[in-house]
Amino acid sequence: MGLRAYFLVTLGDHMEQHKSIDMVRQLEEMPEVDFVDPVIGRRDMVIMVVAPVTVQATANKIRAREGIKDLEVLRVVSMLEHHHPSKREPVRVLVPSSV
């Protein structure tokens, strides 16, 4: 399994509905894209990607598409990578190493 990330995407203000539907379909066909979900709120869609080495190349490909106004990358990290070292001990107790 590669690196995972969520992309929070804002579309251009005047994108027609049929064009945004076409974009979702095209994005779903990208091998790195796991899913694309249109959402309501400050962003217009959430894209989940899995990339073997880096998610940045996929983010750049999507940013370059016509109609993409903004894209924010939220990289998924393991709990051990995310938390301060002092917080790792409770996780080690909950998830013991191989016996």
Protein backbone atom coordinates (compact mmCIF):
# COMPACT_ATOMS: atom_id res chain seq x y z
CA MET A 1 0.00 0.00 0.00
CA GLY A 2 1.27 3.46 -0.88
CA LEU A 3 0.81 6.89 0.60
CA ARG A 4 -2.76 8.03 1.12
CA ALA A 5 -4.19 11.54 1.08
CA TYR A 6 -7.45 13.40 0.84
CA PHE A 7 -7.68 16.30 -1.57
CA LEU A 8 -10.17 19.04 -0.73
CA VAL A 9 -11.10 20.66 -4.03
CA THR A 10 -12.79 23.94 -4.89
CA LEU A 11 -14.13 24.31 -8.42
CA GLY A 12 -14.30 27.52 -10.41
CA ASP A 13 -17.28 29.74 -9.63
CA HIS A 14 -18.95 29.36 -13.00
CA MET A 15 -18.45 25.66 -13.74
CA GLU A 16 -21.54 24.17 -15.35
CA GLN A 17 -23.07 21.08 -13.74
CA HIS A 18 -22.47 18.78 -16.72
CA LYS A 19 -18.79 19.80 -16.79
CA SER A 20 -18.38 19.06 -13.08
CA ILE A 21 -20.03 15.64 -13.59
CA ASP A 22 -17.61 14.94 -16.46
CA MET A 23 -14.70 16.00 -14.25
CA VAL A 24 -15.76 13.61 -11.47
CA ARG A 25 -15.91 10.75 -13.99
CA GLN A 26 -12.47 11.62 -15.40
CA LEU A 27 -10.93 11.89 -11.94
CA GLU A 28 -12.38 8.52 -10.94
CA GLU A 29 -10.60 6.95 -13.93
CA MET A 30 -7.16 8.05 -12.68
CA PRO A 31 -5.31 5.01 -11.29
CA GLU A 32 -4.24 6.89 -8.14
CA VAL A 33 -7.80 7.98 -7.28
CA ASP A 34 -9.71 5.73 -4.90
CA PHE A 35 -12.89 7.82 -4.84
CA VAL A 36 -14.33 11.26 -5.64
CA ASP A 37 -17.24 12.58 -3.59
CA PRO A 38 -19.02 15.86 -4.36
CA VAL A 39 -19.73 17.71 -1.10
CA ILE A 40 -21.61 20.78 0.10
CA GLY A 41 -19.69 23.36 2.11
CA ARG A 42 -16.56 25.43 1.63
CA ARG A 43 -15.21 22.81 -0.78
CA ASP A 44 -16.89 21.18 -3.77
CA MET A 45 -15.39 17.70 -3.69
CA VAL A 46 -13.22 15.34 -1.67
CA ILE A 47 -10.84 13.03 -3.51
CA MET A 48 -9.05 10.13 -1.84
CA VAL A 49 -5.82 9.06 -3.51
CA VAL A 50 -3.27 6.30 -2.99
CA ALA A 51 0.14 6.85 -4.58
CA PRO A 52 3.19 4.56 -4.47
CA VAL A 53 5.77 7.25 -3.68
CA THR A 54 4.27 10.74 -3.39
CA VAL A 55 0.82 12.27 -3.63
CA GLN A 56 2.22 15.60 -4.83
CA ALA A 57 2.43 14.53 -8.50
CA THR A 58 -1.24 13.53 -8.44
CA ALA A 59 -2.16 16.81 -6.73
CA ASN A 60 -0.29 18.73 -9.43
CA LYS A 61 -2.09 16.82 -12.21
CA ILE A 62 -5.47 17.61 -10.70
CA ARG A 63 -4.59 21.27 -9.97
CA ALA A 64 -3.66 21.72 -13.65
CA ARG A 65 -7.14 20.69 -14.84
CA GLU A 66 -9.45 23.35 -16.19
CA GLY A 67 -12.07 24.33 -13.63
CA ILE A 68 -9.99 23.60 -10.52
CA LYS A 69 -9.79 26.77 -8.45
CA ASP A 70 -8.03 25.38 -5.37
CA LEU A 71 -6.80 22.05 -3.99
CA GLU A 72 -5.67 21.34 -0.43
CA VAL A 73 -3.78 18.13 0.40
CA LEU A 74 -4.43 16.30 3.67
CA ARG A 75 -1.85 13.52 3.88
CA VAL A 76 -2.87 10.49 5.95
CA VAL A 77 -0.28 9.62 8.60
CA SER A 78 -0.01 6.73 11.01
CA MET A 79 -0.84 7.40 14.65
CA LEU A 80 2.79 6.83 15.59
CA GLU A 81 4.00 9.34 13.01
CA HIS A 82 1.37 11.90 13.98
CA HIS A 83 1.69 11.99 17.78
CA HIS A 84 4.44 13.39 19.94
CA PRO A 85 6.89 10.67 21.14
CA SER A 86 5.56 10.82 24.72
CA LYS A 87 2.12 9.82 23.40
CA ARG A 88 3.44 6.71 21.65
CA GLU A 89 3.67 4.58 24.80
CA PRO A 90 -0.13 4.13 25.22
CA VAL A 91 -0.32 3.05 21.58
CA ARG A 92 2.44 0.45 22.12
CA VAL A 93 0.44 -0.97 25.02
CA LEU A 94 -2.70 -1.17 22.88
CA VAL A 95 -0.88 -2.54 19.84
CA PRO A 96 1.84 -4.90 21.09
CA SER A 97 4.72 -5.76 18.80
CA SER A 98 4.98 -9.20 17.18
CA VAL A 99 5.31 -12.06 19.62
